[in-house]
PDB file of N, CA and C in Angstrom:
ATOM      1  N   UNK A   1      15.653  -8.878 -38.511  1.00  0.00           N
ATOM      2  CA  UNK A   1      14.779  -9.021 -37.489  1.00  0.00           C
ATOM      3  C   UNK A   1      13.978  -7.681 -37.061  1.00  0.00           C
ATOM      4  N   UNK A   2      12.634  -7.778 -36.905  1.00  0.00           N
ATOM      5  CA  UNK A   2      11.787  -6.641 -36.523  1.00  0.00           C
ATOM      6  C   UNK A   2      12.158  -6.151 -35.117  1.00  0.00           C
ATOM      7  N   UNK A   3      12.628  -4.766 -35.027  1.00  0.00           N
ATOM      8  CA  UNK A   3      12.970  -4.361 -33.749  1.00  0.00           C
ATOM      9  C   UNK A   3      11.838  -3.971 -32.867  1.00  0.00           C
ATOM     10  N   UNK A   4      10.692  -3.883 -33.304  1.00  0.00           N
ATOM     11  CA  UNK A   4       9.517  -3.429 -32.567  1.00  0.00           C
ATOM     12  C   UNK A   4       8.641  -4.631 -32.264  1.00  0.00           C
ATOM     13  N   UNK A   5       8.109  -4.642 -31.039  1.00  0.00           N
ATOM     14  CA  UNK A   5       7.346  -5.767 -30.588  1.00  0.00           C
ATOM     15  C   UNK A   5       6.092  -5.860 -31.345  1.00  0.00           C
ATOM     16  N   UNK A   6       5.547  -6.933 -31.660  1.00  0.00           N
ATOM     17  CA  UNK A   6       4.239  -7.160 -32.199  1.00  0.00           C
ATOM     18  C   UNK A   6       3.212  -6.811 -31.316  1.00  0.00           C
ATOM     19  N   UNK A   7       2.390  -5.904 -31.473  1.00  0.00           N
ATOM     20  CA  UNK A   7       1.359  -5.535 -30.647  1.00  0.00           C
ATOM     21  C   UNK A   7       0.067  -6.425 -30.971  1.00  0.00           C
ATOM     22  N   UNK A   8      -0.197  -7.279 -30.015  1.00  0.00           N
ATOM     23  CA  UNK A   8      -1.463  -8.265 -30.204  1.00  0.00           C
ATOM     24  C   UNK A   8      -2.757  -7.662 -30.088  1.00  0.00           C
ATOM     25  N   UNK A   9      -3.754  -8.540 -29.880  1.00  0.00           N
ATOM     26  CA  UNK A   9      -5.085  -8.225 -29.783  1.00  0.00           C
ATOM     27  C   UNK A   9      -5.286  -7.489 -28.460  1.00  0.00           C
ATOM     28  N   UNK A  10      -6.431  -6.716 -28.397  1.00  0.00           N
ATOM     29  CA  UNK A  10      -6.940  -6.189 -27.134  1.00  0.00           C
ATOM     30  C   UNK A  10      -7.461  -7.236 -26.321  1.00  0.00           C
ATOM     31  N   UNK A  11      -7.005  -7.295 -25.114  1.00  0.00           N
ATOM     32  CA  UNK A  11      -7.339  -8.298 -24.216  1.00  0.00           C
ATOM     33  C   UNK A  11      -8.184  -7.775 -23.071  1.00  0.00           C
ATOM     34  N   UNK A  12      -9.315  -8.329 -22.721  1.00  0.00           N
ATOM     35  CA  UNK A  12     -10.192  -7.891 -21.635  1.00  0.00           C
ATOM     36  C   UNK A  12      -9.548  -8.045 -20.432  1.00  0.00           C
ATOM     37  N   UNK A  13      -9.481  -7.240 -19.362  1.00  0.00           N
ATOM     38  CA  UNK A  13      -8.657  -7.211 -18.100  1.00  0.00           C
ATOM     39  C   UNK A  13      -8.644  -8.637 -17.630  1.00  0.00           C
ATOM     40  N   UNK A  14      -7.618  -9.258 -17.499  1.00  0.00           N
ATOM     41  CA  UNK A  14      -7.536 -10.656 -16.804  1.00  0.00           C
ATOM     42  C   UNK A  14      -6.587 -10.493 -15.544  1.00  0.00           C
ATOM     43  N   UNK A  15      -6.702  -9.371 -14.989  1.00  0.00           N
ATOM     44  CA  UNK A  15      -5.775  -9.309 -13.670  1.00  0.00           C
ATOM     45  C   UNK A  15      -4.284  -8.754 -14.277  1.00  0.00           C
ATOM     46  N   UNK A  16      -3.387  -8.631 -13.402  1.00  0.00           N
ATOM     47  CA  UNK A  16      -2.154  -8.296 -13.908  1.00  0.00           C
ATOM     48  C   UNK A  16      -1.286  -9.393 -14.228  1.00  0.00           C
ATOM     49  N   UNK A  17      -1.785 -10.077 -15.298  1.00  0.00           N
ATOM     50  CA  UNK A  17      -0.967 -11.234 -15.859  1.00  0.00           C
ATOM     51  C   UNK A  17      -0.126 -10.785 -17.062  1.00  0.00           C
ATOM     52  N   UNK A  18       0.782 -11.635 -17.388  1.00  0.00           N
ATOM     53  CA  UNK A  18       1.826 -11.500 -18.456  1.00  0.00           C
ATOM     54  C   UNK A  18       0.996 -11.349 -19.693  1.00  0.00           C
ATOM     55  N   UNK A  19       1.368 -10.400 -20.618  1.00  0.00           N
ATOM     56  CA  UNK A  19       0.614 -10.429 -21.834  1.00  0.00           C
ATOM     57  C   UNK A  19       1.247 -11.170 -22.993  1.00  0.00           C
ATOM     58  N   UNK A  20       2.258 -11.935 -22.672  1.00  0.00           N
ATOM     59  CA  UNK A  20       2.924 -12.773 -23.716  1.00  0.00           C
ATOM     60  C   UNK A  20       1.883 -13.825 -24.133  1.00  0.00           C
ATOM     61  N   UNK A  21       1.748 -13.874 -25.528  1.00  0.00           N
ATOM     62  CA  UNK A  21       0.885 -14.792 -26.189  1.00  0.00           C
ATOM     63  C   UNK A  21       1.410 -15.173 -27.507  1.00  0.00           C
ATOM     64  N   UNK A  22       2.256 -16.194 -27.696  1.00  0.00           N
ATOM     65  CA  UNK A  22       2.879 -16.613 -29.039  1.00  0.00           C
ATOM     66  C   UNK A  22       2.027 -16.577 -30.277  1.00  0.00           C
ATOM     67  N   UNK A  23       0.753 -17.173 -30.073  1.00  0.00           N
ATOM     68  CA  UNK A  23      -0.150 -17.312 -31.219  1.00  0.00           C
ATOM     69  C   UNK A  23      -1.296 -16.194 -31.097  1.00  0.00           C
ATOM     70  N   UNK A  24      -1.119 -15.296 -30.189  1.00  0.00           N
ATOM     71  CA  UNK A  24      -2.062 -14.120 -30.108  1.00  0.00           C
ATOM     72  C   UNK A  24      -3.505 -14.647 -29.883  1.00  0.00           C
ATOM     73  N   UNK A  25      -3.525 -15.761 -28.990  1.00  0.00           N
ATOM     74  CA  UNK A  25      -4.903 -16.478 -28.847  1.00  0.00           C
ATOM     75  C   UNK A  25      -4.834 -16.744 -27.277  1.00  0.00           C
ATOM     76  N   UNK A  26      -6.160 -16.989 -26.664  1.00  0.00           N
ATOM     77  CA  UNK A  26      -6.287 -17.304 -25.372  1.00  0.00           C
ATOM     78  C   UNK A  26      -5.648 -18.632 -25.048  1.00  0.00           C
ATOM     79  N   UNK A  27      -5.505 -19.576 -25.973  1.00  0.00           N
ATOM     80  CA  UNK A  27      -4.884 -20.804 -25.749  1.00  0.00           C
ATOM     81  C   UNK A  27      -3.467 -20.773 -25.512  1.00  0.00           C
ATOM     82  N   UNK A  28      -2.784 -19.667 -25.849  1.00  0.00           N
ATOM     83  CA  UNK A  28      -1.297 -19.684 -25.868  1.00  0.00           C
ATOM     84  C   UNK A  28      -0.911 -18.298 -24.760  1.00  0.00           C
ATOM     85  N   UNK A  29      -1.918 -17.735 -24.152  1.00  0.00           N
ATOM     86  CA  UNK A  29      -1.587 -16.742 -23.231  1.00  0.00           C
ATOM     87  C   UNK A  29      -0.700 -17.235 -22.048  1.00  0.00           C
ATOM     88  N   UNK A  30       0.404 -16.571 -21.558  1.00  0.00           N
ATOM     89  CA  UNK A  30       1.016 -16.695 -20.495  1.00  0.00           C
ATOM     90  C   UNK A  30       0.132 -16.726 -19.232  1.00  0.00           C
ATOM     91  N   UNK A  31       0.160 -17.477 -18.266  1.00  0.00           N
ATOM     92  CA  UNK A  31      -0.722 -17.401 -17.182  1.00  0.00           C
ATOM     93  C   UNK A  31       0.075 -16.883 -15.926  1.00  0.00           C
ATOM     94  N   UNK A  32       1.407 -16.662 -16.044  1.00  0.00           N
ATOM     95  CA  UNK A  32       2.134 -15.961 -14.915  1.00  0.00           C
ATOM     96  C   UNK A  32       1.721 -14.599 -14.587  1.00  0.00           C
ATOM     97  N   UNK A  33       1.886 -14.148 -13.395  1.00  0.00           N
ATOM     98  CA  UNK A  33       1.633 -12.835 -12.839  1.00  0.00           C
ATOM     99  C   UNK A  33       2.675 -11.900 -13.546  1.00  0.00           C
ATOM    100  N   UNK A  34       2.140 -10.797 -13.801  1.00  0.00           N
ATOM    101  CA  UNK A  34       3.052  -9.672 -14.539  1.00  0.00           C
ATOM    102  C   UNK A  34       3.910  -9.101 -13.373  1.00  0.00           C
ATOM    103  N   UNK A  35       5.152  -8.925 -13.656  1.00  0.00           N
ATOM    104  CA  UNK A  35       6.056  -8.193 -12.834  1.00  0.00           C
ATOM    105  C   UNK A  35       6.689  -6.933 -13.309  1.00  0.00           C
ATOM    106  N   UNK A  36       6.500  -6.903 -14.758  1.00  0.00           N
ATOM    107  CA  UNK A  36       6.999  -5.638 -15.367  1.00  0.00           C
ATOM    108  C   UNK A  36       5.835  -4.947 -16.183  1.00  0.00           C
ATOM    109  N   UNK A  37       5.890  -3.611 -16.289  1.00  0.00           N
ATOM    110  CA  UNK A  37       5.026  -2.839 -17.080  1.00  0.00           C
ATOM    111  C   UNK A  37       5.872  -2.250 -18.217  1.00  0.00           C
ATOM    112  N   UNK A  38       5.546  -2.461 -19.446  1.00  0.00           N
ATOM    113  CA  UNK A  38       6.430  -2.022 -20.476  1.00  0.00           C
ATOM    114  C   UNK A  38       5.805  -0.961 -21.434  1.00  0.00           C
ATOM    115  N   UNK A  39       6.237   0.274 -21.653  1.00  0.00           N
ATOM    116  CA  UNK A  39       5.738   1.162 -22.513  1.00  0.00           C
ATOM    117  C   UNK A  39       6.321   0.843 -23.862  1.00  0.00           C
ATOM    118  N   UNK A  40       5.663   0.417 -24.722  1.00  0.00           N
ATOM    119  CA  UNK A  40       6.209  -0.054 -26.028  1.00  0.00           C
ATOM    120  C   UNK A  40       6.382   1.104 -27.016  1.00  0.00           C
ATOM    121  N   UNK A  41       5.521   2.035 -27.000  1.00  0.00           N
ATOM    122  CA  UNK A  41       5.469   3.180 -28.067  1.00  0.00           C
ATOM    123  C   UNK A  41       5.428   4.487 -27.284  1.00  0.00           C
ATOM    124  N   UNK A  42       5.784   5.607 -27.876  1.00  0.00           N
ATOM    125  CA  UNK A  42       5.659   7.022 -27.398  1.00  0.00           C
ATOM    126  C   UNK A  42       4.043   7.332 -27.357  1.00  0.00           C
ATOM    127  N   UNK A  43       3.283   6.691 -28.135  1.00  0.00           N
ATOM    128  CA  UNK A  43       1.874   6.963 -28.241  1.00  0.00           C
ATOM    129  C   UNK A  43       1.091   6.326 -27.037  1.00  0.00           C
ATOM    130  N   UNK A  44       1.749   5.601 -26.159  1.00  0.00           N
ATOM    131  CA  UNK A  44       1.281   5.055 -25.024  1.00  0.00           C
ATOM    132  C   UNK A  44       0.888   3.583 -25.044  1.00  0.00           C
ATOM    133  N   UNK A  45       1.180   2.828 -26.076  1.00  0.00           N
ATOM    134  CA  UNK A  45       0.909   1.517 -26.036  1.00  0.00           C
ATOM    135  C   UNK A  45       1.776   0.700 -25.089  1.00  0.00           C
ATOM    136  N   UNK A  46       1.171   0.004 -24.210  1.00  0.00           N
ATOM    137  CA  UNK A  46       1.829  -0.680 -23.039  1.00  0.00           C
ATOM    138  C   UNK A  46       1.460  -2.004 -22.832  1.00  0.00           C
ATOM    139  N   UNK A  47       2.218  -2.758 -22.127  1.00  0.00           N
ATOM    140  CA  UNK A  47       1.835  -4.206 -21.780  1.00  0.00           C
ATOM    141  C   UNK A  47       2.439  -4.564 -20.618  1.00  0.00           C
ATOM    142  N   UNK A  48       2.086  -5.851 -20.185  1.00  0.00           N
ATOM    143  CA  UNK A  48       2.600  -6.269 -18.812  1.00  0.00           C
ATOM    144  C   UNK A  48       3.194  -7.667 -19.201  1.00  0.00           C
ATOM    145  N   UNK A  49       4.412  -7.945 -18.414  1.00  0.00           N
ATOM    146  CA  UNK A  49       5.171  -9.047 -18.591  1.00  0.00           C
ATOM    147  C   UNK A  49       5.679  -9.828 -17.366  1.00  0.00           C
ATOM    148  N   UNK A  50       5.841 -11.021 -17.326  1.00  0.00           N
ATOM    149  CA  UNK A  50       6.460 -11.771 -16.365  1.00  0.00           C
ATOM    150  C   UNK A  50       7.945 -11.611 -16.415  1.00  0.00           C
ATOM    151  N   UNK A  51       8.796 -11.972 -15.410  1.00  0.00           N
ATOM    152  CA  UNK A  51      10.169 -11.711 -15.443  1.00  0.00           C
ATOM    153  C   UNK A  51      10.779 -12.462 -16.662  1.00  0.00           C
ATOM    154  N   UNK A  52      10.521 -13.847 -16.952  1.00  0.00           N
ATOM    155  CA  UNK A  52      11.180 -14.436 -18.210  1.00  0.00           C
ATOM    156  C   UNK A  52      10.722 -13.681 -19.492  1.00  0.00           C
ATOM    157  N   UNK A  53       9.521 -13.373 -19.714  1.00  0.00           N
ATOM    158  CA  UNK A  53       9.099 -12.707 -20.937  1.00  0.00           C
ATOM    159  C   UNK A  53       9.630 -11.282 -20.960  1.00  0.00           C
ATOM    160  N   UNK A  54       9.678 -10.570 -19.862  1.00  0.00           N
ATOM    161  CA  UNK A  54      10.281  -9.233 -19.840  1.00  0.00           C
ATOM    162  C   UNK A  54      11.743  -9.199 -20.308  1.00  0.00           C
ATOM    163  N   UNK A  55      12.628 -10.291 -19.772  1.00  0.00           N
ATOM    164  CA  UNK A  55      13.924 -10.262 -20.215  1.00  0.00           C
ATOM    165  C   UNK A  55      14.095 -10.709 -21.792  1.00  0.00           C
ATOM    166  N   UNK A  56      13.100 -11.509 -22.234  1.00  0.00           N
ATOM    167  CA  UNK A  56      13.174 -11.657 -23.661  1.00  0.00           C
ATOM    168  C   UNK A  56      12.944 -10.409 -24.455  1.00  0.00           C
ATOM    169  N   UNK A  57      11.845  -9.627 -23.981  1.00  0.00           N
ATOM    170  CA  UNK A  57      11.498  -8.410 -24.810  1.00  0.00           C
ATOM    171  C   UNK A  57      12.641  -7.395 -24.632  1.00  0.00           C
ATOM    172  N   UNK A  58      13.247  -7.327 -23.504  1.00  0.00           N
ATOM    173  CA  UNK A  58      14.425  -6.322 -23.484  1.00  0.00           C
ATOM    174  C   UNK A  58      15.412  -6.659 -24.313  1.00  0.00           C
ATOM    175  N   UNK A  59      15.697  -7.990 -24.593  1.00  0.00           N
ATOM    176  CA  UNK A  59      16.758  -8.523 -25.535  1.00  0.00           C
ATOM    177  C   UNK A  59      16.422  -8.180 -26.957  1.00  0.00           C
ATOM    178  N   UNK A  60      15.104  -8.512 -27.345  1.00  0.00           N
ATOM    179  CA  UNK A  60      14.650  -8.521 -28.816  1.00  0.00           C
ATOM    180  C   UNK A  60      14.014  -7.179 -29.322  1.00  0.00           C
ATOM    181  N   UNK A  61      13.459  -6.415 -28.549  1.00  0.00           N
ATOM    182  CA  UNK A  61      12.728  -5.293 -29.047  1.00  0.00           C
ATOM    183  C   UNK A  61      13.055  -3.905 -28.461  1.00  0.00           C
ATOM    184  N   UNK A  62      12.773  -2.868 -29.186  1.00  0.00           N
ATOM    185  CA  UNK A  62      12.982  -1.433 -28.596  1.00  0.00           C
ATOM    186  C   UNK A  62      11.643  -1.040 -28.058  1.00  0.00           C
ATOM    187  N   UNK A  63      11.731  -0.198 -26.889  1.00  0.00           N
ATOM    188  CA  UNK A  63      10.618   0.247 -26.142  1.00  0.00           C
ATOM    189  C   UNK A  63      10.996   1.659 -25.558  1.00  0.00           C
ATOM    190  N   UNK A  64       9.961   2.284 -25.051  1.00  0.00           N
ATOM    191  CA  UNK A  64      10.273   3.618 -24.581  1.00  0.00           C
ATOM    192  C   UNK A  64      10.758   3.485 -23.003  1.00  0.00           C
ATOM    193  N   UNK A  65      10.035   2.703 -22.167  1.00  0.00           N
ATOM    194  CA  UNK A  65      10.410   2.594 -20.808  1.00  0.00           C
ATOM    195  C   UNK A  65       9.812   1.380 -20.114  1.00  0.00           C
ATOM    196  N   UNK A  66      10.201   1.128 -18.984  1.00  0.00           N
ATOM    197  CA  UNK A  66       9.546   0.075 -18.238  1.00  0.00           C
ATOM    198  C   UNK A  66       9.848   0.215 -16.772  1.00  0.00           C
ATOM    199  N   UNK A  67       8.831  -0.385 -15.939  1.00  0.00           N
ATOM    200  CA  UNK A  67       9.014  -0.363 -14.559  1.00  0.00           C
ATOM    201  C   UNK A  67       8.379  -1.446 -13.848  1.00  0.00           C
ATOM    202  N   UNK A  68       8.615  -1.656 -12.562  1.00  0.00           N
ATOM    203  CA  UNK A  68       7.946  -2.791 -11.853  1.00  0.00           C
ATOM    204  C   UNK A  68       6.604  -2.644 -11.832  1.00  0.00           C
ATOM    205  N   UNK A  69       5.725  -3.700 -11.906  1.00  0.00           N
ATOM    206  CA  UNK A  69       4.081  -3.529 -11.901  1.00  0.00           C
ATOM    207  C   UNK A  69       3.863  -3.037 -10.506  1.00  0.00           C
ATOM    208  N   UNK A  70       2.909  -2.118 -10.313  1.00  0.00           N
ATOM    209  CA  UNK A  70       2.387  -1.490  -9.165  1.00  0.00           C
ATOM    210  C   UNK A  70       0.952  -1.639  -9.140  1.00  0.00           C
ATOM    211  N   UNK A  71       0.308  -1.292  -7.976  1.00  0.00           N
ATOM    212  CA  UNK A  71      -1.215  -1.480  -7.983  1.00  0.00           C
ATOM    213  C   UNK A  71      -2.046  -0.695  -8.977  1.00  0.00           C
ATOM    214  N   UNK A  72      -1.475   0.449  -9.424  1.00  0.00           N
ATOM    215  CA  UNK A  72      -2.110   1.268 -10.463  1.00  0.00           C
ATOM    216  C   UNK A  72      -1.812   1.012 -11.869  1.00  0.00           C
ATOM    217  N   UNK A  73      -0.846   0.195 -12.079  1.00  0.00           N
ATOM    218  CA  UNK A  73      -0.517  -0.166 -13.509  1.00  0.00           C
ATOM    219  C   UNK A  73      -1.644  -0.885 -14.215  1.00  0.00           C
ATOM    220  N   UNK A  74      -1.875  -0.641 -15.455  1.00  0.00           N
ATOM    221  CA  UNK A  74      -2.949  -1.009 -16.256  1.00  0.00           C
ATOM    222  C   UNK A  74      -4.247  -0.627 -15.775  1.00  0.00           C
ATOM    223  N   UNK A  75      -4.517   0.375 -14.901  1.00  0.00           N
ATOM    224  CA  UNK A  75      -5.775   0.924 -14.495  1.00  0.00           C
ATOM    225  C   UNK A  75      -6.200   1.912 -15.536  1.00  0.00           C
ATOM    226  N   UNK A  76      -7.307   1.853 -15.921  1.00  0.00           N
ATOM    227  CA  UNK A  76      -7.980   2.811 -16.997  1.00  0.00           C
ATOM    228  C   UNK A  76      -7.592   4.196 -16.444  1.00  0.00           C
ATOM    229  N   UNK A  77      -7.139   5.085 -17.543  1.00  0.00           N
ATOM    230  CA  UNK A  77      -6.749   6.475 -17.176  1.00  0.00           C
ATOM    231  C   UNK A  77      -5.561   6.556 -16.419  1.00  0.00           C
ATOM    232  N   UNK A  78      -4.722   5.709 -16.207  1.00  0.00           N
ATOM    233  CA  UNK A  78      -3.496   5.797 -15.439  1.00  0.00           C
ATOM    234  C   UNK A  78      -2.467   6.473 -16.167  1.00  0.00           C
ATOM    235  N   UNK A  79      -1.520   7.248 -15.616  1.00  0.00           N
ATOM    236  CA  UNK A  79      -0.382   7.951 -16.249  1.00  0.00           C
ATOM    237  C   UNK A  79       0.835   7.303 -15.978  1.00  0.00           C
ATOM    238  N   UNK A  80       1.799   7.176 -17.017  1.00  0.00           N
ATOM    239  CA  UNK A  80       3.073   6.586 -16.852  1.00  0.00           C
ATOM    240  C   UNK A  80       4.047   7.750 -16.458  1.00  0.00           C
ATOM    241  N   UNK A  81       4.505   7.825 -15.333  1.00  0.00           N
ATOM    242  CA  UNK A  81       5.363   8.766 -14.755  1.00  0.00           C
ATOM    243  C   UNK A  81       6.884   8.368 -15.090  1.00  0.00           C
ATOM    244  N   UNK A  82       7.514   9.069 -16.070  1.00  0.00           N
ATOM    245  CA  UNK A  82       8.825   8.679 -16.483  1.00  0.00           C
ATOM    246  C   UNK A  82       9.908   8.989 -15.502  1.00  0.00           C
ATOM    247  N   UNK A  83       9.672  10.107 -14.757  1.00  0.00           N
ATOM    248  CA  UNK A  83      10.641  10.528 -13.782  1.00  0.00           C
ATOM    249  C   UNK A  83      10.648   9.586 -12.399  1.00  0.00           C
ATOM    250  N   UNK A  84       9.564   9.317 -12.057  1.00  0.00           N
ATOM    251  CA  UNK A  84       9.540   8.350 -10.934  1.00  0.00           C
ATOM    252  C   UNK A  84       9.344   6.771 -11.172  1.00  0.00           C
ATOM    253  N   UNK A  85       9.275   6.553 -12.584  1.00  0.00           N
ATOM    254  CA  UNK A  85       9.290   5.121 -13.084  1.00  0.00           C
ATOM    255  C   UNK A  85       8.099   4.323 -12.449  1.00  0.00           C
ATOM    256  N   UNK A  86       6.937   4.897 -12.488  1.00  0.00           N
ATOM    257  CA  UNK A  86       5.826   4.276 -12.030  1.00  0.00           C
ATOM    258  C   UNK A  86       4.586   4.753 -12.701  1.00  0.00           C
ATOM    259  N   UNK A  87       3.402   4.097 -12.346  1.00  0.00           N
ATOM    260  CA  UNK A  87       2.173   4.704 -12.980  1.00  0.00           C
ATOM    261  C   UNK A  87       1.581   5.535 -11.886  1.00  0.00           C
ATOM    262  N   UNK A  88       0.807   6.471 -12.328  1.00  0.00           N
ATOM    263  CA  UNK A  88       0.130   7.519 -11.398  1.00  0.00           C
ATOM    264  C   UNK A  88      -1.487   7.138 -11.401  1.00  0.00           C
ATOM    265  N   UNK A  89      -2.105   7.358 -10.227  1.00  0.00           N
ATOM    266  CA  UNK A  89      -3.422   7.214 -10.248  1.00  0.00           C
ATOM    267  C   UNK A  89      -4.136   8.293 -10.979  1.00  0.00           C
ATOM    268  N   UNK A  90      -5.337   8.125 -11.633  1.00  0.00           N
ATOM    269  CA  UNK A  90      -5.990   9.171 -12.443  1.00  0.00           C
ATOM    270  C   UNK A  90      -6.163  10.408 -11.624  1.00  0.00           C
ATOM    271  N   UNK A  91      -6.274  10.654 -10.246  1.00  0.00           N
ATOM    272  CA  UNK A  91      -6.510  11.698  -9.723  1.00  0.00           C
ATOM    273  C   UNK A  91      -5.256  12.314  -9.194  1.00  0.00           C
ATOM    274  N   UNK A  92      -4.064  11.809  -9.542  1.00  0.00           N
ATOM    275  CA  UNK A  92      -2.730  12.438  -9.219  1.00  0.00           C
ATOM    276  C   UNK A  92      -2.395  13.297 -10.386  1.00  0.00           C
ATOM    277  N   UNK A  93      -1.771  14.483 -10.064  1.00  0.00           N
ATOM    278  CA  UNK A  93      -1.276  15.457 -10.973  1.00  0.00           C
ATOM    279  C   UNK A  93      -0.079  14.829 -11.813  1.00  0.00           C
ATOM    280  N   UNK A  94      -0.132  14.610 -13.065  1.00  0.00           N
ATOM    281  CA  UNK A  94       0.994  14.025 -13.718  1.00  0.00           C
ATOM    282  C   UNK A  94       2.076  15.093 -13.942  1.00  0.00           C
ATOM    283  N   UNK A  95       3.290  14.521 -13.911  1.00  0.00           N
ATOM    284  CA  UNK A  95       4.380  15.461 -14.120  1.00  0.00           C
ATOM    285  C   UNK A  95       4.611  15.846 -15.564  1.00  0.00           C
ATOM    286  N   UNK A  96       5.314  16.729 -16.004  1.00  0.00           N
ATOM    287  CA  UNK A  96       5.512  17.120 -17.287  1.00  0.00           C
ATOM    288  C   UNK A  96       6.111  15.859 -18.297  1.00  0.00           C
ATOM    289  N   UNK A  97       6.719  14.856 -17.617  1.00  0.00           N
ATOM    290  CA  UNK A  97       7.205  13.580 -18.301  1.00  0.00           C
ATOM    291  C   UNK A  97       6.420  12.496 -18.212  1.00  0.00           C
ATOM    292  N   UNK A  98       5.111  12.682 -18.117  1.00  0.00           N
ATOM    293  CA  UNK A  98       4.168  11.468 -18.010  1.00  0.00           C
ATOM    294  C   UNK A  98       3.439  11.255 -19.344  1.00  0.00           C
ATOM    295  N   UNK A  99       3.137  10.178 -19.679  1.00  0.00           N
ATOM    296  CA  UNK A  99       2.584   9.714 -20.766  1.00  0.00           C
ATOM    297  C   UNK A  99       1.266   8.990 -20.427  1.00  0.00           C
ATOM    298  N   UNK A 100       0.009   9.157 -21.116  1.00  0.00           N
ATOM    299  CA  UNK A 100      -1.078   8.496 -20.820  1.00  0.00           C
ATOM    300  C   UNK A 100      -0.883   7.042 -21.567  1.00  0.00           C
ATOM    301  N   UNK A 101      -1.008   6.174 -20.744  1.00  0.00           N
ATOM    302  CA  UNK A 101      -0.865   4.689 -20.981  1.00  0.00           C
ATOM    303  C   UNK A 101      -2.103   4.212 -21.490  1.00  0.00           C
ATOM    304  N   UNK A 102      -1.967   3.490 -22.615  1.00  0.00           N
ATOM    305  CA  UNK A 102      -3.092   2.744 -23.226  1.00  0.00           C
ATOM    306  C   UNK A 102      -3.298   1.388 -22.705  1.00  0.00           C
ATOM    307  N   UNK A 103      -4.529   0.872 -22.818  1.00  0.00           N
ATOM    308  CA  UNK A 103      -4.741  -0.480 -22.245  1.00  0.00           C
ATOM    309  C   UNK A 103      -3.600  -1.497 -22.783  1.00  0.00           C
ATOM    310  N   UNK A 104      -3.234  -2.531 -21.745  1.00  0.00           N
ATOM    311  CA  UNK A 104      -2.154  -3.357 -22.183  1.00  0.00           C
ATOM    312  C   UNK A 104      -2.640  -4.408 -23.264  1.00  0.00           C
ATOM    313  N   UNK A 105      -1.723  -4.679 -24.081  1.00  0.00           N
ATOM    314  CA  UNK A 105      -1.958  -5.691 -25.142  1.00  0.00           C
ATOM    315  C   UNK A 105      -1.044  -6.783 -25.225  1.00  0.00           C
ATOM    316  N   UNK A 106      -1.410  -7.868 -25.684  1.00  0.00           N
ATOM    317  CA  UNK A 106      -0.414  -9.097 -25.774  1.00  0.00           C
ATOM    318  C   UNK A 106       0.992  -8.701 -26.375  1.00  0.00           C
TER     319      UNK A 106
END
């Protein structure tokens, strides 16, 4: 079994919706609101997930960190604050343990 999550296509912003898409197509996109923000790689690849799909991801894949979705998650230029387990607004000073999060992917 592959321990890393398959990073899907780049998706235009569709609100804070779950990024799960079994066939990596609009026809199979999960329509639930995202409740979790997952940092998949140390390079900043991140995604959003609803409760059921986040639970599956935690069981099946390795990831760097995760936190509950906040208003600044998935915002362009946001920083992932590992110490406070949240995203920071672009005008906030990042801590030394922050990672630049990339746009969410499926």
